[in-house]
Protein backbone atom coordinates (compact mmCIF):
# COMPACT_ATOMS: atom_id res chain seq x y z
CA UNK A 1 0.00 0.00 0.00
CA UNK A 2 1.35 3.42 -0.96
CA UNK A 3 2.36 5.56 2.02
CA UNK A 4 0.61 8.88 2.43
CA UNK A 5 2.83 11.83 1.46
CA UNK A 6 4.07 14.28 4.07
CA UNK A 7 2.19 17.49 3.33
CA UNK A 8 3.76 19.55 6.11
CA UNK A 9 6.07 21.35 3.67
CA UNK A 10 3.13 22.31 1.47
CA UNK A 11 1.22 23.56 4.49
CA UNK A 12 4.24 25.64 5.44
CA UNK A 13 4.48 27.08 1.91
CA UNK A 14 0.79 28.08 1.97
CA UNK A 15 1.33 29.76 5.34
CA UNK A 16 4.39 31.63 4.03
CA UNK A 17 2.41 32.96 1.06
CA UNK A 18 -0.44 34.05 3.34
CA UNK A 19 2.11 35.89 5.48
CA UNK A 20 3.69 37.57 2.48
CA UNK A 21 0.24 38.76 1.35
CA UNK A 22 -0.83 39.95 4.80
CA UNK A 23 -2.18 43.50 4.24
CA UNK A 24 -0.82 44.74 7.58
CA UNK A 25 2.74 43.46 7.73
CA UNK A 26 3.33 41.46 4.56
CA UNK A 27 5.85 42.10 1.78
CA UNK A 28 5.21 45.36 -0.16
CA UNK A 29 6.25 43.76 -3.45
CA UNK A 30 4.10 40.65 -3.01
CA UNK A 31 1.13 42.77 -1.92
CA UNK A 32 1.12 44.89 -5.05
CA UNK A 33 1.13 41.92 -7.43
CA UNK A 34 -1.90 40.86 -9.49
CA UNK A 35 -2.72 37.86 -11.68
CA UNK A 36 -1.53 39.85 -14.69
CA UNK A 37 1.81 40.88 -13.18
CA UNK A 38 2.58 37.36 -11.94
CA UNK A 39 1.56 35.58 -15.16
CA UNK A 40 4.87 36.29 -16.99
CA UNK A 41 6.80 34.76 -14.09
CA UNK A 42 4.58 31.68 -14.25
CA UNK A 43 5.39 31.20 -17.92
CA UNK A 44 9.09 31.82 -17.32
CA UNK A 45 9.23 29.28 -14.50
CA UNK A 46 7.59 26.63 -16.70
CA UNK A 47 10.28 27.17 -19.32
CA UNK A 48 13.00 26.95 -16.68
CA UNK A 49 11.58 23.57 -15.65
CA UNK A 50 11.86 22.45 -19.28
CA UNK A 51 15.42 23.76 -19.48
CA UNK A 52 16.50 21.83 -16.37
CA UNK A 53 15.00 18.67 -17.86
CA UNK A 54 16.78 19.25 -21.18
CA UNK A 55 20.09 19.63 -19.30
CA UNK A 56 19.34 16.57 -17.15
CA UNK A 57 19.96 18.77 -14.11
CA UNK A 58 18.04 17.03 -11.36
CA UNK A 59 19.17 19.42 -8.61
CA UNK A 60 18.12 22.31 -10.83
CA UNK A 61 14.84 20.58 -11.65
CA UNK A 62 14.01 20.29 -7.96
CA UNK A 63 14.56 24.03 -7.51
CA UNK A 64 12.66 24.96 -10.67
CA UNK A 65 9.68 22.78 -9.73
CA UNK A 66 9.62 24.59 -6.40
CA UNK A 67 9.57 27.93 -8.21
CA UNK A 68 6.72 26.70 -10.41
CA UNK A 69 4.79 25.44 -7.39
CA UNK A 70 5.19 28.88 -5.83
CA UNK A 71 3.41 30.35 -8.85
CA UNK A 72 0.42 28.05 -8.28
CA UNK A 73 0.36 28.97 -4.60
CA UNK A 74 0.67 32.69 -5.40
CA UNK A 75 -2.21 32.71 -7.90
CA UNK A 76 -4.34 30.58 -5.57
CA UNK A 77 -3.73 32.93 -2.65
CA UNK A 78 -4.77 36.00 -4.68
CA UNK A 79 -7.89 34.15 -5.86
CA UNK A 80 -8.77 33.19 -2.29
CA UNK A 81 -8.38 36.78 -1.13
CA UNK A 82 -10.82 37.84 -3.86
CA UNK A 83 -13.29 35.13 -2.89
CA UNK A 84 -12.93 33.06 -6.09
CA UNK A 85 -11.26 29.82 -5.03
CA UNK A 86 -8.48 28.47 -2.82
CA UNK A 87 -5.44 26.25 -3.30
CA UNK A 88 -7.53 23.41 -1.91
CA UNK A 89 -10.10 23.98 -4.66
CA UNK A 90 -7.33 23.87 -7.27
CA UNK A 91 -5.98 20.59 -5.87
CA UNK A 92 -9.49 19.10 -5.62
CA UNK A 93 -10.27 20.13 -9.19
CA UNK A 94 -7.19 18.49 -10.69
CA UNK A 95 -7.70 15.39 -8.51
CA UNK A 96 -11.26 15.00 -9.78
CA UNK A 97 -10.06 15.50 -13.36
CA UNK A 98 -7.33 12.87 -13.05
CA UNK A 99 -9.78 10.34 -11.62
CA UNK A 100 -12.31 11.17 -14.36
CA UNK A 101 -9.71 10.81 -17.11
CA UNK A 102 -8.27 7.53 -15.78
CA UNK A 103 -11.32 5.24 -15.70
CA UNK A 104 -8.98 2.30 -16.46
CA UNK A 105 -7.33 2.92 -13.07
CA UNK A 106 -10.15 4.28 -10.91
CA UNK A 107 -13.10 2.74 -12.76
CA UNK A 108 -14.01 -0.38 -14.72
CA UNK A 109 -12.72 0.60 -18.18
CA UNK A 110 -10.10 -1.69 -19.71
CA UNK A 111 -6.94 -0.15 -21.17
CA UNK A 112 -3.78 -2.25 -20.95
CA UNK A 113 -1.76 -0.38 -23.62
CA UNK A 114 -0.61 3.27 -23.81
CA UNK A 115 -2.45 3.67 -27.12
CA UNK A 116 -5.73 2.61 -25.52
CA UNK A 117 -5.14 5.00 -22.63
CA UNK A 118 -4.54 7.88 -25.09
CA UNK A 119 -7.72 7.01 -27.00
CA UNK A 120 -9.80 6.99 -23.82
CA UNK A 121 -8.15 10.21 -22.62
CA UNK A 122 -8.91 12.06 -25.86
CA UNK A 123 -12.49 10.75 -25.91
CA UNK A 124 -13.07 12.02 -22.37
CA UNK A 125 -11.45 15.37 -23.16
CA UNK A 126 -13.59 15.72 -26.30
CA UNK A 127 -16.74 15.16 -24.23
CA UNK A 128 -15.55 17.73 -21.69
CA UNK A 129 -14.83 20.25 -24.45
CA UNK A 130 -18.24 19.69 -26.04
CA UNK A 131 -19.98 20.26 -22.71
CA UNK A 132 -17.89 23.36 -22.05
CA UNK A 133 -18.45 24.69 -25.56
CA UNK A 134 -22.22 24.24 -25.25
CA UNK A 135 -22.25 26.63 -22.30
CA UNK A 136 -19.68 29.02 -23.71
CA UNK A 137 -20.32 32.27 -25.55
CA UNK A 138 -17.12 31.94 -27.62
CA UNK A 139 -17.69 31.70 -31.37
CA UNK A 140 -15.18 28.87 -31.85
CA UNK A 141 -15.73 25.45 -33.41
CA UNK A 142 -16.11 22.76 -30.73
CA UNK A 143 -13.38 20.88 -32.59
CA UNK A 144 -10.88 23.67 -31.82
CA UNK A 145 -12.34 24.83 -28.51
CA UNK A 146 -10.18 24.85 -25.41
CA UNK A 147 -6.77 25.33 -27.03
CA UNK A 148 -5.26 28.06 -24.89
CA UNK A 149 -4.46 31.25 -26.79
CA UNK A 150 -1.46 31.91 -24.53
CA UNK A 151 0.47 28.84 -25.71
CA UNK A 152 3.69 29.35 -27.68
CA UNK A 153 2.58 29.94 -31.27
CA UNK A 154 4.29 26.89 -32.80
CA UNK A 155 2.90 24.61 -30.11
CA UNK A 156 -0.60 26.04 -30.55
CA UNK A 157 -0.35 25.62 -34.33
CA UNK A 158 0.37 21.90 -33.90
CA UNK A 159 -2.51 21.51 -31.44
CA UNK A 160 -4.91 23.23 -33.84
CA UNK A 161 -3.72 21.02 -36.69
CA UNK A 162 -4.03 17.86 -34.59
CA UNK A 163 -7.61 18.75 -33.67
CA UNK A 164 -8.50 19.39 -37.31
CA UNK A 165 -6.83 16.13 -38.33
CA UNK A 166 -9.11 14.15 -36.00
CA UNK A 167 -12.10 15.06 -38.18
CA UNK A 168 -10.22 14.36 -41.43
CA UNK A 169 -9.01 17.88 -42.27
CA UNK A 170 -5.39 16.92 -42.95
CA UNK A 171 -2.96 15.93 -45.70
CA UNK A 172 -2.44 12.17 -46.05
CA UNK A 173 1.35 12.34 -45.67
CA UNK A 174 4.31 14.74 -45.56
CA UNK A 175 4.80 15.13 -49.34
CA UNK A 176 1.91 17.58 -49.97
CA UNK A 177 2.96 19.49 -46.84
CA UNK A 178 6.43 20.01 -48.34
CA UNK A 179 4.80 21.18 -51.58
CA UNK A 180 2.66 23.60 -49.58
CA UNK A 181 5.78 24.97 -47.86
CA UNK A 182 7.29 25.70 -51.27
CA UNK A 183 4.06 27.42 -52.33
CA UNK A 184 3.94 29.52 -49.17
CA UNK A 185 7.62 30.45 -49.56
CA UNK A 186 6.94 31.73 -53.10
CA UNK A 187 4.02 33.80 -51.81
CA UNK A 188 6.23 35.17 -49.04
CA UNK A 189 8.97 36.10 -51.51
CA UNK A 190 6.39 37.93 -53.62
CA UNK A 191 5.15 39.95 -50.64
CA UNK A 192 8.72 40.76 -49.59
CA UNK A 193 9.34 42.21 -53.05
CA UNK A 194 6.00 43.87 -53.77
CA UNK A 195 3.81 43.76 -50.68
CA UNK A 196 3.39 45.79 -47.53
CA UNK A 197 4.73 45.10 -44.07
CA UNK A 198 1.30 43.79 -43.08
CA UNK A 199 0.92 41.38 -46.02
CA UNK A 200 4.51 40.21 -45.59
CA UNK A 201 3.85 39.46 -41.92
CA UNK A 202 0.68 37.57 -42.86
CA UNK A 203 2.49 35.42 -45.42
CA UNK A 204 5.34 34.80 -43.01
CA UNK A 205 2.81 33.55 -40.48
CA UNK A 206 1.28 31.23 -43.09
CA UNK A 207 4.76 29.92 -43.87
CA UNK A 208 5.50 29.17 -40.21
CA UNK A 209 2.11 27.51 -39.79
CA UNK A 210 2.82 25.04 -42.60
CA UNK A 211 6.35 24.42 -41.29
CA UNK A 212 4.76 23.48 -37.96
CA UNK A 213 2.46 21.13 -39.87
CA UNK A 214 5.46 19.43 -41.46
CA UNK A 215 6.96 18.92 -38.00
CA UNK A 216 3.67 17.28 -36.95
CA UNK A 217 3.74 14.91 -39.93
CA UNK A 218 7.36 14.05 -39.11
CA UNK A 219 6.27 13.43 -35.49
CA UNK A 220 8.59 16.18 -34.29
CA UNK A 221 7.88 18.89 -31.73
CA UNK A 222 8.70 22.19 -33.48
CA UNK A 223 9.24 23.92 -30.13
CA UNK A 224 11.80 21.28 -29.14
CA UNK A 225 13.45 21.51 -32.55
CA UNK A 226 13.72 25.29 -32.36
CA UNK A 227 14.99 25.21 -28.78
CA UNK A 228 17.67 22.72 -29.87
CA UNK A 229 18.57 24.98 -32.79
CA UNK A 230 18.84 27.94 -30.40
CA UNK A 231 21.17 25.98 -28.14
CA UNK A 232 23.25 24.93 -31.14
CA UNK A 233 23.53 28.55 -32.29
CA UNK A 234 24.61 29.67 -28.80
CA UNK A 235 27.21 26.90 -28.63
CA UNK A 236 28.64 27.59 -32.08
CA UNK A 237 28.61 31.36 -31.72
CA UNK A 238 30.48 31.11 -28.42
CA UNK A 239 33.05 28.73 -29.94
CA UNK A 240 33.44 31.02 -32.95
CA UNK A 241 34.13 33.98 -30.68
CA UNK A 242 36.75 31.99 -28.76
CA UNK A 243 38.52 31.04 -31.98
CA UNK A 244 38.69 34.67 -33.07
CA UNK A 245 39.85 35.75 -29.62
CA UNK A 246 42.64 33.15 -29.76
CA UNK A 247 43.75 34.89 -32.96
CA UNK A 248 43.72 38.26 -31.24
CA UNK A 249 40.54 39.39 -32.99
CA UNK A 250 37.45 40.99 -31.45
CA UNK A 251 34.04 40.36 -32.99
CA UNK A 252 33.49 44.08 -33.49
CA UNK A 253 36.66 44.25 -35.61
CA UNK A 254 35.78 41.28 -37.86
CA UNK A 255 33.84 41.36 -41.10
CA UNK A 256 31.23 38.73 -41.94
CA UNK A 257 33.65 36.69 -44.07
CA UNK A 258 36.09 36.36 -41.16
CA UNK A 259 33.38 35.35 -38.73
CA UNK A 260 31.90 32.93 -41.27
CA UNK A 261 35.29 31.24 -41.70
CA UNK A 262 35.56 30.73 -37.92
CA UNK A 263 31.94 29.55 -37.82
CA UNK A 264 32.62 26.90 -40.45
CA UNK A 265 35.68 25.82 -38.48
CA UNK A 266 33.47 25.24 -35.46
CA UNK A 267 31.07 23.18 -37.58
CA UNK A 268 33.92 21.06 -38.91
CA UNK A 269 35.22 20.47 -35.38
CA UNK A 270 31.76 19.40 -34.19
CA UNK A 271 31.32 16.99 -37.08
CA UNK A 272 34.76 15.54 -36.38
CA UNK A 273 33.72 14.96 -32.79
């Protein structure tokens, strides 16, 4: 039988946040915060969790998960002060959702393979979305309802495309997606040459949307791919700068050809291992 977790640390954290938000002798900075001012920190902390995972930094992950938990506690405390809900309500809500979405564990549904679990999960979520959409005033297709607007754009694009694909609105394989990318690139080139800033931006968005669709057909996460490309650029740029410094050259004194030569040297070194 699984032992009950020690919740004393969580109780202490909730008490600390209540103290920080005490209107009489709390922290001035914490007291002036709102949902809107804290939201950027919440997003940042989630990305720092992802970064610690990518670096396989378990000590860092422990710290970053604590920072992310603080965000949940902070938002919950502000909501409780305003009479909306408490941290306990948040925990109860997610507990109920997990039980509802795992009928193969907490109910009598059979699902002995991950694929069956995913199918059940999506079916339950679809029913939840339909019920939510029926009572919502948003003019959004129930198929696409519930995809958070605040998600990173590439991630949201893939989620929108996945939803549309479930009802058959999708290319059969990656080949027509690649053709569509070429088409969108031609349209973008035309707008760059003859269009306005607004039409160029629109075509650039269309181009990125189809690129995200190609990632989906390749079963790749475009956010992960771009983050990896960012890390690669940082690594290579830093190595390039060190090469130039070893030659007594500063970046500000180098032309593009000189930097490009050092850049290619870094690439050759990486490929050589």
